[in-house]
Amino acid sequence: MTRFLTGSARGWGYARKNPKAAVDHLVAEYKNLNKASELEAVGGVLGFSFDKVTAKDGWAAMNKANWQAQIDVYASLKQFKGKTPTVDDVMTDSILAATEKLRKQIG
């Protein structure tokens, strides 16, 4: 997982610095995508992916409050059978810690 997250972070960092080239790579790989549509979307996607949280904590940063909010939503929708899990039941930040230096450079 550490290697996957490292590669993903590098790819997102590249896309952030080279959005048009990243779209070219994307549509070359996925022929069903429309280049004009992807060029329109890339700014929004990058804006969502890189924000004040990523600037502070690095790309792919997560925190317990976000996880808790999602657990609460799923619980309110009665998506859990049995006991509702706690954040500590479902979240670990060990991979994030292992990739922190690179992720902070990209975020």
C-alpha atoms as a PDB file:
ATOM      1  CA  MET A   1       0.000   0.000   0.000  1.00  0.00           C
ATOM      2  CA  THR A   2       2.879   2.347   0.718  1.00  0.00           C
ATOM      3  CA  ARG A   3       4.226   1.896  -2.805  1.00  0.00           C
ATOM      4  CA  PHE A   4       0.741   2.401  -4.281  1.00  0.00           C
ATOM      5  CA  LEU A   5       0.182   5.601  -2.294  1.00  0.00           C
ATOM      6  CA  THR A   6       3.645   6.858  -3.241  1.00  0.00           C
ATOM      7  CA  GLY A   7       2.940   6.278  -6.937  1.00  0.00           C
ATOM      8  CA  SER A   8      -0.505   7.835  -6.659  1.00  0.00           C
ATOM      9  CA  ALA A   9       0.919  10.892  -4.928  1.00  0.00           C
ATOM     10  CA  ARG A  10       3.506  11.342  -7.661  1.00  0.00           C
ATOM     11  CA  GLY A  11       0.820  11.023 -10.329  1.00  0.00           C
ATOM     12  CA  TRP A  12      -1.405  13.600  -8.644  1.00  0.00           C
ATOM     13  CA  GLY A  13       1.580  15.910  -8.182  1.00  0.00           C
ATOM     14  CA  TYR A  14       2.305  15.618 -11.893  1.00  0.00           C
ATOM     15  CA  ALA A  15      -1.332  16.306 -12.746  1.00  0.00           C
ATOM     16  CA  ARG A  16      -1.324  19.375 -10.513  1.00  0.00           C
ATOM     17  CA  LYS A  17       1.735  20.830 -12.258  1.00  0.00           C
ATOM     18  CA  ASN A  18       0.786  19.626 -15.765  1.00  0.00           C
ATOM     19  CA  PRO A  19      -3.015  19.398 -16.001  1.00  0.00           C
ATOM     20  CA  LYS A  20      -3.216  19.446 -19.793  1.00  0.00           C
ATOM     21  CA  ALA A  21      -0.545  16.770 -20.171  1.00  0.00           C
ATOM     22  CA  ALA A  22      -2.245  14.701 -17.471  1.00  0.00           C
ATOM     23  CA  VAL A  23      -5.510  14.862 -19.405  1.00  0.00           C
ATOM     24  CA  ASP A  24      -3.646  13.764 -22.531  1.00  0.00           C
ATOM     25  CA  HIS A  25      -2.331  10.724 -20.640  1.00  0.00           C
ATOM     26  CA  LEU A  26      -5.775   9.995 -19.221  1.00  0.00           C
ATOM     27  CA  VAL A  27      -7.649  10.054 -22.517  1.00  0.00           C
ATOM     28  CA  ALA A  28      -4.887   8.083 -24.230  1.00  0.00           C
ATOM     29  CA  GLU A  29      -5.392   5.326 -21.666  1.00  0.00           C
ATOM     30  CA  TYR A  30      -9.183   5.507 -21.503  1.00  0.00           C
ATOM     31  CA  LYS A  31     -10.482   5.858 -25.035  1.00  0.00           C
ATOM     32  CA  ASN A  32     -14.090   6.300 -23.888  1.00  0.00           C
ATOM     33  CA  LEU A  33     -13.282   9.679 -22.286  1.00  0.00           C
ATOM     34  CA  ASN A  34     -13.800  12.976 -24.080  1.00  0.00           C
ATOM     35  CA  LYS A  35     -10.734  15.208 -24.016  1.00  0.00           C
ATOM     36  CA  ALA A  36     -12.698  18.480 -24.073  1.00  0.00           C
ATOM     37  CA  SER A  37     -14.841  17.340 -21.145  1.00  0.00           C
ATOM     38  CA  GLU A  38     -11.810  16.210 -19.166  1.00  0.00           C
ATOM     39  CA  LEU A  39     -10.032  19.514 -19.803  1.00  0.00           C
ATOM     40  CA  GLU A  40     -13.092  21.311 -18.464  1.00  0.00           C
ATOM     41  CA  ALA A  41     -13.209  19.082 -15.390  1.00  0.00           C
ATOM     42  CA  VAL A  42      -9.529  18.959 -14.473  1.00  0.00           C
ATOM     43  CA  GLY A  43      -9.479  22.345 -12.743  1.00  0.00           C
ATOM     44  CA  GLY A  44     -12.365  21.426 -10.475  1.00  0.00           C
ATOM     45  CA  VAL A  45     -10.924  18.029  -9.678  1.00  0.00           C
ATOM     46  CA  LEU A  46      -7.547  19.522  -8.815  1.00  0.00           C
ATOM     47  CA  GLY A  47      -9.198  22.264  -6.765  1.00  0.00           C
ATOM     48  CA  PHE A  48     -11.068  19.627  -4.782  1.00  0.00           C
ATOM     49  CA  SER A  49      -7.971  17.432  -4.440  1.00  0.00           C
ATOM     50  CA  PHE A  50      -5.611  20.205  -3.314  1.00  0.00           C
ATOM     51  CA  ASP A  51      -6.995  22.522  -0.678  1.00  0.00           C
ATOM     52  CA  LYS A  52      -6.037  24.054   2.674  1.00  0.00           C
ATOM     53  CA  VAL A  53      -5.968  20.610   4.297  1.00  0.00           C
ATOM     54  CA  THR A  54      -3.552  19.197   1.721  1.00  0.00           C
ATOM     55  CA  ALA A  55      -1.449  22.366   1.940  1.00  0.00           C
ATOM     56  CA  LYS A  56      -1.098  21.785   5.680  1.00  0.00           C
ATOM     57  CA  ASP A  57      -1.025  17.981   5.974  1.00  0.00           C
ATOM     58  CA  GLY A  58      -0.067  16.785   2.488  1.00  0.00           C
ATOM     59  CA  TRP A  59      -1.882  15.120  -0.399  1.00  0.00           C
ATOM     60  CA  ALA A  60      -4.270  12.334   0.671  1.00  0.00           C
ATOM     61  CA  ALA A  61      -4.434  13.637   4.242  1.00  0.00           C
ATOM     62  CA  MET A  62      -7.166  12.118   6.352  1.00  0.00           C
ATOM     63  CA  ASN A  63      -8.389  12.863   9.825  1.00  0.00           C
ATOM     64  CA  LYS A  64     -10.594  11.166  12.360  1.00  0.00           C
ATOM     65  CA  ALA A  65     -13.274  13.869  12.151  1.00  0.00           C
ATOM     66  CA  ASN A  66     -13.877  13.127   8.450  1.00  0.00           C
ATOM     67  CA  TRP A  67     -14.064   9.414   9.131  1.00  0.00           C
ATOM     68  CA  GLN A  68     -16.451   9.983  12.037  1.00  0.00           C
ATOM     69  CA  ALA A  69     -18.719  12.136   9.863  1.00  0.00           C
ATOM     70  CA  GLN A  70     -18.932   9.349   7.286  1.00  0.00           C
ATOM     71  CA  ILE A  71     -19.624   6.726   9.947  1.00  0.00           C
ATOM     72  CA  ASP A  72     -22.392   8.947  11.309  1.00  0.00           C
ATOM     73  CA  VAL A  73     -23.980   9.274   7.860  1.00  0.00           C
ATOM     74  CA  TYR A  74     -23.881   5.527   7.258  1.00  0.00           C
ATOM     75  CA  ALA A  75     -25.291   4.894  10.737  1.00  0.00           C
ATOM     76  CA  SER A  76     -28.145   7.360  10.133  1.00  0.00           C
ATOM     77  CA  LEU A  77     -28.936   5.469   6.920  1.00  0.00           C
ATOM     78  CA  LYS A  78     -28.893   2.189   8.869  1.00  0.00           C
ATOM     79  CA  GLN A  79     -26.122   0.787   6.679  1.00  0.00           C
ATOM     80  CA  PHE A  80     -24.449  -1.169   9.477  1.00  0.00           C
ATOM     81  CA  LYS A  81     -25.643  -4.575  10.564  1.00  0.00           C
ATOM     82  CA  GLY A  82     -25.106  -4.854  14.269  1.00  0.00           C
ATOM     83  CA  LYS A  83     -22.863  -2.483  16.163  1.00  0.00           C
ATOM     84  CA  THR A  84     -21.750   0.768  14.494  1.00  0.00           C
ATOM     85  CA  PRO A  85     -17.951   0.731  14.186  1.00  0.00           C
ATOM     86  CA  THR A  86     -15.782   3.342  15.811  1.00  0.00           C
ATOM     87  CA  VAL A  87     -13.188   5.324  13.915  1.00  0.00           C
ATOM     88  CA  ASP A  88     -10.471   3.243  15.536  1.00  0.00           C
ATOM     89  CA  ASP A  89     -12.169   0.086  14.242  1.00  0.00           C
ATOM     90  CA  VAL A  90     -11.898   1.198  10.609  1.00  0.00           C
ATOM     91  CA  MET A  91      -9.105   3.775  10.267  1.00  0.00           C
ATOM     92  CA  THR A  92      -5.358   3.596  10.433  1.00  0.00           C
ATOM     93  CA  ASP A  93      -2.884   6.274   9.465  1.00  0.00           C
ATOM     94  CA  SER A  94       0.197   4.036   9.336  1.00  0.00           C
ATOM     95  CA  ILE A  95       0.485   4.235   5.536  1.00  0.00           C
ATOM     96  CA  LEU A  96      -0.004   7.989   5.642  1.00  0.00           C
ATOM     97  CA  ALA A  97       2.739   8.251   8.251  1.00  0.00           C
ATOM     98  CA  ALA A  98       5.051   6.126   6.104  1.00  0.00           C
ATOM     99  CA  THR A  99       4.514   8.418   3.098  1.00  0.00           C
ATOM    100  CA  GLU A 100       4.264  11.738   4.939  1.00  0.00           C
ATOM    101  CA  LYS A 101       7.443  13.351   3.590  1.00  0.00           C
ATOM    102  CA  LEU A 102       6.489  12.830  -0.069  1.00  0.00           C
ATOM    103  CA  ARG A 103       2.808  13.627   0.438  1.00  0.00           C
ATOM    104  CA  LYS A 104       3.658  16.937   2.128  1.00  0.00           C
ATOM    105  CA  GLN A 105       5.883  17.884  -0.819  1.00  0.00           C
ATOM    106  CA  ILE A 106       2.973  17.276  -3.187  1.00  0.00           C
ATOM    107  CA  GLY A 107       0.157  18.735  -1.067  1.00  0.00           C
END
